[in-house]
């Protein structure tokens, strides 16, 4: 894997025009994974020691940070991010903060999982970003309060050691800790502002919960499903198709560019584990003049490229949720949807239950990750 570019130091003061014109970013190798801190999955910033200038909740906004040079309030410049006040020392003789002084925010992941990479984005924080950042993670069952998370008996594991960062930049960090986490503690040293937090990783569901449900959506991101690959991501990511809830607008689904050849577009999914699929939903909500014309579904075993069709090529209607009950349950751990010739779908739901082998494998993986 190639090294991740790092950014340090101030960005130039805003000089007018497009505020992103001098923004520093890079292609990170882990962004194919879902964002475990996505609000749609139920993530939240549940506490922070200071948010004097800008609220902690801004960290998880799905859209890129906005910048209005004329937007000021009673406390100063209003920023689209999390910004703390300037730290000071204890006296005129010691006016500077100590080496250990820092601000922190507690983040509940929307879905517990294995973190593969973190982006701490300081967009528009040009001279008021933190000198350095660090990130720790913990695995705490249930719905702990901030006080419970900050208790002395909670074990925190370092995912990103204290590292210098740059202003007005996407600061990315690959993570190599094979463990399941539920919460993060984001630290900025000694103070400053961070616009956005993205936590890319693999969902690691609780097998006891899925076992109690019995029948559930086997492809859903929150249950451990994931997108393996897609033919086209021009307008929107394929992962949108397995997000919670129904799509609320056109770009909340998956839409491809207009195809001029004779082929077709597709998405391949990895289910939570080997499963028995009994019912299917293909939703084209908000895709009206650009929904897929037809769709077909196939299933395959783990590691196999031998696909078995379980839903033949079927006409789809725009802005419609289509439901299909399979005559014979389909067993597999991978699913492929083919759309013809192009266009998009908003959601795919695959209802069923884990096979005995799938449940055993999921339980073993859960134990390996410390669950």
Protein backbone atom coordinates (compact mmCIF):
# COMPACT_ATOMS: atom_id res chain seq x y z
CA UNK A 1 0.00 0.00 0.00
CA UNK A 2 1.36 3.41 -0.91
CA UNK A 3 2.05 5.95 1.82
CA UNK A 4 -0.76 8.35 2.68
CA UNK A 5 0.17 11.99 1.96
CA UNK A 6 0.33 14.08 5.11
CA UNK A 7 -0.39 17.77 5.47
CA UNK A 8 1.01 20.09 8.11
CA UNK A 9 1.08 23.81 8.74
CA UNK A 10 -1.26 26.68 8.04
CA UNK A 11 -3.14 27.13 4.83
CA UNK A 12 -3.14 30.54 3.18
CA UNK A 13 -5.70 33.03 4.50
CA UNK A 14 -8.94 33.03 2.54
CA UNK A 15 -8.49 35.39 -0.41
CA UNK A 16 -11.94 35.26 -1.96
CA UNK A 17 -13.52 33.10 -4.63
CA UNK A 18 -13.91 29.34 -4.30
CA UNK A 19 -12.89 28.48 -0.69
CA UNK A 20 -11.98 24.95 -1.79
CA UNK A 21 -9.60 26.11 -4.54
CA UNK A 22 -6.53 25.64 -2.30
CA UNK A 23 -7.92 22.78 -0.20
CA UNK A 24 -5.43 19.95 0.33
CA UNK A 25 -6.62 16.38 -0.07
CA UNK A 26 -5.61 12.97 -1.41
CA UNK A 27 -7.01 9.62 -2.50
CA UNK A 28 -7.10 7.48 0.62
CA UNK A 29 -6.89 3.68 0.26
CA UNK A 30 -9.64 2.95 2.78
CA UNK A 31 -12.56 5.05 1.53
CA UNK A 32 -14.19 2.06 -0.21
CA UNK A 33 -15.32 1.02 3.26
CA UNK A 34 -18.53 2.39 4.75
CA UNK A 35 -18.47 5.35 7.13
CA UNK A 36 -19.17 3.86 10.56
CA UNK A 37 -19.77 7.39 11.88
CA UNK A 38 -22.58 8.05 9.39
CA UNK A 39 -25.59 9.70 11.03
CA UNK A 40 -27.87 7.48 8.92
CA UNK A 41 -26.53 4.49 10.85
CA UNK A 42 -27.22 6.21 14.16
CA UNK A 43 -23.81 7.73 14.92
CA UNK A 44 -23.57 10.75 17.19
CA UNK A 45 -21.13 13.05 18.95
CA UNK A 46 -22.39 12.51 22.46
CA UNK A 47 -20.08 14.81 24.43
CA UNK A 48 -17.22 17.28 24.16
CA UNK A 49 -15.28 19.16 26.80
CA UNK A 50 -15.57 22.45 24.87
CA UNK A 51 -17.55 23.67 21.84
CA UNK A 52 -17.41 27.42 22.45
CA UNK A 53 -17.21 28.54 18.81
CA UNK A 54 -18.86 25.69 16.90
CA UNK A 55 -20.95 22.69 17.92
CA UNK A 56 -19.57 19.17 18.11
CA UNK A 57 -22.49 17.77 16.09
CA UNK A 58 -21.13 19.43 12.94
CA UNK A 59 -18.41 16.78 12.81
CA UNK A 60 -20.78 14.18 11.39
CA UNK A 61 -22.68 16.23 8.83
CA UNK A 62 -22.75 14.19 5.61
CA UNK A 63 -22.06 17.07 3.25
CA UNK A 64 -18.75 18.90 2.79
CA UNK A 65 -18.13 21.77 5.20
CA UNK A 66 -19.51 25.14 4.12
CA UNK A 67 -17.76 28.50 4.47
CA UNK A 68 -19.37 31.93 4.60
CA UNK A 69 -16.78 34.68 5.13
CA UNK A 70 -19.47 37.10 6.31
CA UNK A 71 -21.04 34.79 8.90
CA UNK A 72 -20.25 36.06 12.40
CA UNK A 73 -22.11 35.72 15.70
CA UNK A 74 -21.82 37.02 19.23
CA UNK A 75 -18.89 34.71 19.96
CA UNK A 76 -17.00 35.38 16.73
CA UNK A 77 -16.66 33.68 13.34
CA UNK A 78 -19.22 30.93 12.89
CA UNK A 79 -17.57 27.83 11.47
CA UNK A 80 -19.10 24.66 10.05
CA UNK A 81 -17.25 22.23 12.28
CA UNK A 82 -16.30 21.62 15.92
CA UNK A 83 -14.23 24.50 17.30
CA UNK A 84 -13.03 25.08 20.85
CA UNK A 85 -11.80 28.27 22.50
CA UNK A 86 -8.08 29.12 22.69
CA UNK A 87 -6.36 27.40 25.59
CA UNK A 88 -4.28 29.48 27.98
CA UNK A 89 -1.73 28.77 30.67
CA UNK A 90 -2.16 29.23 34.38
CA UNK A 91 -0.53 32.63 34.88
CA UNK A 92 1.23 35.57 33.25
CA UNK A 93 4.50 33.76 33.84
CA UNK A 94 3.07 30.59 32.27
CA UNK A 95 0.73 31.86 29.54
CA UNK A 96 0.94 28.81 27.27
CA UNK A 97 -0.97 25.52 27.60
CA UNK A 98 0.99 22.51 28.78
CA UNK A 99 2.10 19.64 26.54
CA UNK A 100 -0.76 17.50 27.88
CA UNK A 101 -3.56 20.05 27.45
CA UNK A 102 -6.10 19.02 24.82
CA UNK A 103 -9.76 19.08 23.88
CA UNK A 104 -11.83 15.97 23.23
CA UNK A 105 -15.11 14.72 21.78
CA UNK A 106 -16.79 11.36 22.31
CA UNK A 107 -18.29 9.74 19.21
CA UNK A 108 -20.73 6.82 19.18
CA UNK A 109 -20.30 4.82 16.00
CA UNK A 110 -23.51 4.21 14.11
CA UNK A 111 -22.59 0.54 13.76
CA UNK A 112 -19.87 -1.22 15.77
CA UNK A 113 -17.07 -2.41 13.54
CA UNK A 114 -13.42 -2.73 12.59
CA UNK A 115 -11.92 0.67 11.71
CA UNK A 116 -9.77 0.68 8.55
CA UNK A 117 -9.13 4.40 8.21
CA UNK A 118 -9.99 7.81 9.66
CA UNK A 119 -10.22 11.24 8.03
CA UNK A 120 -10.01 14.34 10.21
CA UNK A 121 -10.93 17.16 7.87
CA UNK A 122 -9.91 20.71 8.78
CA UNK A 123 -11.61 22.36 5.79
CA UNK A 124 -11.75 26.17 6.24
CA UNK A 125 -9.81 25.99 9.49
CA UNK A 126 -6.74 27.73 8.10
CA UNK A 127 -5.06 29.27 11.14
CA UNK A 128 -7.31 27.87 13.85
CA UNK A 129 -6.89 24.11 13.37
CA UNK A 130 -5.28 21.88 16.04
CA UNK A 131 -1.51 21.51 16.08
CA UNK A 132 -1.97 17.74 16.34
CA UNK A 133 -4.70 15.14 16.69
CA UNK A 134 -5.08 11.68 18.18
CA UNK A 135 -7.89 9.13 18.17
CA UNK A 136 -8.68 6.35 20.65
CA UNK A 137 -11.37 3.68 20.52
CA UNK A 138 -13.27 1.55 23.01
CA UNK A 139 -15.76 -1.30 22.92
CA UNK A 140 -18.53 -0.78 25.45
CA UNK A 141 -21.83 -2.72 25.19
CA UNK A 142 -25.25 -1.19 25.46
CA UNK A 143 -25.84 2.55 25.37
CA UNK A 144 -23.29 4.03 27.78
CA UNK A 145 -23.50 7.63 28.94
CA UNK A 146 -20.53 10.00 28.54
CA UNK A 147 -19.79 9.57 32.24
CA UNK A 148 -19.66 5.79 31.86
CA UNK A 149 -17.35 6.05 28.85
CA UNK A 150 -14.98 8.33 30.77
CA UNK A 151 -14.82 5.99 33.78
CA UNK A 152 -11.41 4.66 34.80
CA UNK A 153 -12.31 1.05 34.01
CA UNK A 154 -12.93 1.68 30.28
CA UNK A 155 -10.07 0.47 28.10
CA UNK A 156 -9.11 2.83 25.27
CA UNK A 157 -6.99 1.65 22.35
CA UNK A 158 -4.97 4.13 20.30
CA UNK A 159 -5.96 4.13 16.62
CA UNK A 160 -4.15 7.33 15.62
CA UNK A 161 -1.21 8.40 17.80
CA UNK A 162 -0.63 12.09 18.42
CA UNK A 163 0.20 13.39 14.93
CA UNK A 164 0.70 16.85 13.46
CA UNK A 165 -1.94 17.92 10.95
CA UNK A 166 -2.51 20.72 8.50
CA UNK A 167 -5.10 23.43 8.19
CA UNK A 168 -7.72 23.42 5.40
CA UNK A 169 -6.85 19.79 4.57
CA UNK A 170 -8.23 16.26 4.63
CA UNK A 171 -5.91 14.52 7.09
CA UNK A 172 -6.18 10.76 6.54
CA UNK A 173 -4.87 7.91 8.69
CA UNK A 174 -4.88 4.19 7.89
CA UNK A 175 -5.71 1.99 10.91
CA UNK A 176 -4.48 -1.55 11.46
CA UNK A 177 -6.20 -2.74 14.63
CA UNK A 178 -8.19 -5.95 14.17
CA UNK A 179 -10.77 -5.31 16.88
CA UNK A 180 -14.44 -4.37 17.10
CA UNK A 181 -15.13 -0.89 18.51
CA UNK A 182 -18.28 0.99 19.48
CA UNK A 183 -16.97 4.46 20.44
CA UNK A 184 -14.15 6.87 19.60
CA UNK A 185 -12.47 9.65 21.54
CA UNK A 186 -11.19 12.34 19.17
CA UNK A 187 -8.54 14.60 20.66
CA UNK A 188 -7.16 17.89 19.36
CA UNK A 189 -3.91 19.18 20.83
CA UNK A 190 -4.06 21.71 22.37
CA UNK A 191 -7.23 23.26 20.87
CA UNK A 192 -8.73 24.44 17.59
CA UNK A 193 -11.24 23.23 15.05
CA UNK A 194 -12.05 20.15 12.97
CA UNK A 195 -14.70 20.39 10.25
CA UNK A 196 -15.60 16.75 9.61
CA UNK A 197 -14.87 13.25 10.90
CA UNK A 198 -15.12 10.14 8.72
CA UNK A 199 -14.52 6.66 10.16
CA UNK A 200 -14.20 4.09 7.38
CA UNK A 201 -14.45 0.43 8.29
CA UNK A 202 -16.34 -2.85 8.26
CA UNK A 203 -19.51 -3.33 10.28
CA UNK A 204 -19.20 -6.19 12.79
CA UNK A 205 -22.73 -7.01 13.99
CA UNK A 206 -23.65 -8.77 17.20
CA UNK A 207 -24.62 -12.35 16.27
CA UNK A 208 -26.84 -12.64 19.36
CA UNK A 209 -28.94 -9.71 18.12
CA UNK A 210 -29.27 -11.09 14.59
CA UNK A 211 -30.08 -14.53 15.98
CA UNK A 212 -32.87 -13.06 18.09
CA UNK A 213 -34.30 -11.24 15.06
CA UNK A 214 -34.43 -14.46 13.03
CA UNK A 215 -35.48 -12.90 9.72
CA UNK A 216 -33.72 -9.64 8.81
CA UNK A 217 -32.18 -7.74 5.90
CA UNK A 218 -29.08 -9.78 5.03
CA UNK A 219 -27.51 -7.07 2.86
CA UNK A 220 -28.11 -4.07 5.13
CA UNK A 221 -25.03 -2.09 6.07
CA UNK A 222 -26.09 -1.95 9.72
CA UNK A 223 -26.32 -5.77 9.80
CA UNK A 224 -22.87 -6.35 8.30
CA UNK A 225 -23.58 -6.37 4.57
CA UNK A 226 -21.19 -4.53 2.28
CA UNK A 227 -20.61 -3.61 -1.35
CA UNK A 228 -17.78 -5.56 -2.98
CA UNK A 229 -17.69 -3.67 -6.25
CA UNK A 230 -19.83 -1.81 -8.76
CA UNK A 231 -19.62 -1.12 -12.47
CA UNK A 232 -20.17 2.62 -12.07
CA UNK A 233 -20.14 5.17 -9.24
CA UNK A 234 -20.38 8.30 -11.35
CA UNK A 235 -23.23 10.09 -9.58
CA UNK A 236 -23.46 8.36 -6.21
CA UNK A 237 -21.90 5.48 -4.26
CA UNK A 238 -23.28 1.95 -4.51
CA UNK A 239 -23.19 1.73 -0.70
CA UNK A 240 -26.25 4.01 -0.63
CA UNK A 241 -28.35 1.02 -1.72
CA UNK A 242 -27.87 -0.72 1.64
CA UNK A 243 -28.21 2.31 3.92
CA UNK A 244 -30.99 2.34 6.55
CA UNK A 245 -34.46 3.57 5.66
CA UNK A 246 -35.94 4.60 2.36
CA UNK A 247 -34.18 7.07 0.11
CA UNK A 248 -35.24 10.68 0.69
CA UNK A 249 -33.91 12.23 -2.52
CA UNK A 250 -32.36 11.24 -5.81
CA UNK A 251 -28.72 11.31 -4.74
CA UNK A 252 -29.49 9.10 -1.72
CA UNK A 253 -29.54 6.07 -4.03
CA UNK A 254 -27.23 4.69 -6.74
CA UNK A 255 -27.25 6.25 -10.19
CA UNK A 256 -24.89 5.49 -13.07
CA UNK A 257 -23.85 7.63 -16.01
CA UNK A 258 -25.72 7.16 -19.30
CA UNK A 259 -24.48 4.00 -20.99
CA UNK A 260 -23.87 4.21 -24.76
CA UNK A 261 -22.62 0.66 -25.33
CA UNK A 262 -24.57 -2.61 -25.24
CA UNK A 263 -23.52 -3.73 -21.75
CA UNK A 264 -25.21 -3.20 -18.41
CA UNK A 265 -24.43 -1.94 -14.91
CA UNK A 266 -24.21 -3.99 -11.73
CA UNK A 267 -23.35 -4.12 -8.02
CA UNK A 268 -21.86 -7.09 -6.15
CA UNK A 269 -22.61 -7.45 -2.44
CA UNK A 270 -21.15 -9.49 0.42
CA UNK A 271 -23.90 -10.60 2.79
CA UNK A 272 -23.33 -10.67 6.54
CA UNK A 273 -22.58 -14.43 6.26
CA UNK A 274 -23.95 -17.45 4.42
CA UNK A 275 -27.69 -16.94 4.35
CA UNK A 276 -31.02 -18.20 3.10
CA UNK A 277 -32.77 -15.47 1.10
CA UNK A 278 -36.57 -15.70 0.92
CA UNK A 279 -37.77 -12.25 -0.16
CA UNK A 280 -36.42 -9.28 -2.11
CA UNK A 281 -37.16 -5.56 -2.34
CA UNK A 282 -35.79 -3.39 -5.15
CA UNK A 283 -36.68 0.26 -4.60
CA UNK A 284 -36.35 3.02 -7.22
CA UNK A 285 -37.61 5.84 -4.95
CA UNK A 286 -36.90 9.34 -6.37
CA UNK A 287 -35.43 7.85 -9.54
CA UNK A 288 -38.04 8.86 -12.09
CA UNK A 289 -36.56 9.51 -15.52
CA UNK A 290 -33.34 7.73 -14.59
CA UNK A 291 -34.37 4.50 -12.84
CA UNK A 292 -33.11 1.16 -14.14
CA UNK A 293 -35.33 -0.33 -16.83
CA UNK A 294 -34.94 -3.95 -15.73
CA UNK A 295 -33.10 -5.82 -12.96
CA UNK A 296 -31.98 -9.39 -12.28
CA UNK A 297 -30.51 -10.99 -9.15
CA UNK A 298 -27.96 -13.78 -8.79
CA UNK A 299 -26.37 -15.50 -5.80
CA UNK A 300 -22.97 -17.16 -5.25
CA UNK A 301 -21.13 -18.97 -2.49
CA UNK A 302 -18.21 -17.40 -0.60
CA UNK A 303 -15.23 -16.99 -2.92
CA UNK A 304 -17.09 -18.42 -5.92
CA UNK A 305 -17.70 -16.76 -9.28
CA UNK A 306 -20.40 -19.25 -10.22
CA UNK A 307 -23.57 -17.18 -10.15
CA UNK A 308 -27.04 -18.69 -9.97
CA UNK A 309 -29.96 -16.51 -11.06
CA UNK A 310 -32.66 -16.21 -8.40
CA UNK A 311 -34.71 -13.37 -9.94
CA UNK A 312 -34.87 -13.28 -13.73
CA UNK A 313 -34.63 -10.01 -15.62
CA UNK A 314 -37.73 -8.11 -14.44
CA UNK A 315 -39.23 -4.78 -15.51
CA UNK A 316 -38.86 -1.99 -12.95
CA UNK A 317 -41.10 1.06 -12.57
CA UNK A 318 -39.79 4.52 -11.69
CA UNK A 319 -40.10 5.76 -8.09
CA UNK A 320 -41.52 2.42 -6.93
CA UNK A 321 -40.73 -0.21 -4.31
CA UNK A 322 -40.86 -3.66 -5.95
CA UNK A 323 -41.37 -6.76 -3.78
CA UNK A 324 -40.66 -10.37 -4.75
CA UNK A 325 -41.17 -13.58 -2.76
CA UNK A 326 -38.79 -16.28 -3.99
CA UNK A 327 -40.47 -19.58 -4.78
CA UNK A 328 -37.44 -21.46 -3.41
CA UNK A 329 -35.13 -19.94 -0.80
CA UNK A 330 -31.72 -19.07 -2.26
CA UNK A 331 -28.57 -19.94 -0.27
CA UNK A 332 -25.31 -18.02 -0.63
CA UNK A 333 -23.07 -15.35 0.83
CA UNK A 334 -22.71 -13.07 -2.22
CA UNK A 335 -25.36 -11.38 -4.33
CA UNK A 336 -25.19 -9.53 -7.62
CA UNK A 337 -27.81 -7.19 -9.02
CA UNK A 338 -27.66 -6.43 -12.74
CA UNK A 339 -29.59 -3.43 -14.05
CA UNK A 340 -30.39 -2.93 -17.71
CA UNK A 341 -29.11 -1.01 -19.42
CA UNK A 342 -28.17 1.72 -16.91
CA UNK A 343 -29.81 4.15 -14.49
CA UNK A 344 -30.11 3.27 -10.86
CA UNK A 345 -31.90 1.92 -7.81
CA UNK A 346 -32.25 3.52 -4.40
CA UNK A 347 -32.32 0.47 -2.12
CA UNK A 348 -31.92 -3.31 -2.24
CA UNK A 349 -33.32 -5.41 0.62
CA UNK A 350 -32.73 -9.15 0.92
CA UNK A 351 -34.83 -10.73 3.68
CA UNK A 352 -34.04 -14.09 5.20
CA UNK A 353 -31.92 -15.69 7.91
CA UNK A 354 -28.45 -17.07 8.48
CA UNK A 355 -27.75 -20.70 7.71
CA UNK A 356 -26.31 -22.81 10.51
CA UNK A 357 -22.84 -22.52 8.95
CA UNK A 358 -23.26 -18.76 8.47
CA UNK A 359 -24.28 -18.23 12.09
CA UNK A 360 -21.32 -20.27 13.34
CA UNK A 361 -18.87 -18.30 11.20
CA UNK A 362 -20.31 -14.96 12.32
CA UNK A 363 -20.06 -15.98 15.98
CA UNK A 364 -16.45 -17.06 15.57
CA UNK A 365 -15.56 -13.76 13.88
CA UNK A 366 -17.29 -11.83 16.66
CA UNK A 367 -15.15 -13.62 19.25
CA UNK A 368 -11.96 -13.00 17.25
CA UNK A 369 -12.68 -9.27 17.30
CA UNK A 370 -13.13 -9.23 21.07
CA UNK A 371 -16.92 -9.17 21.06
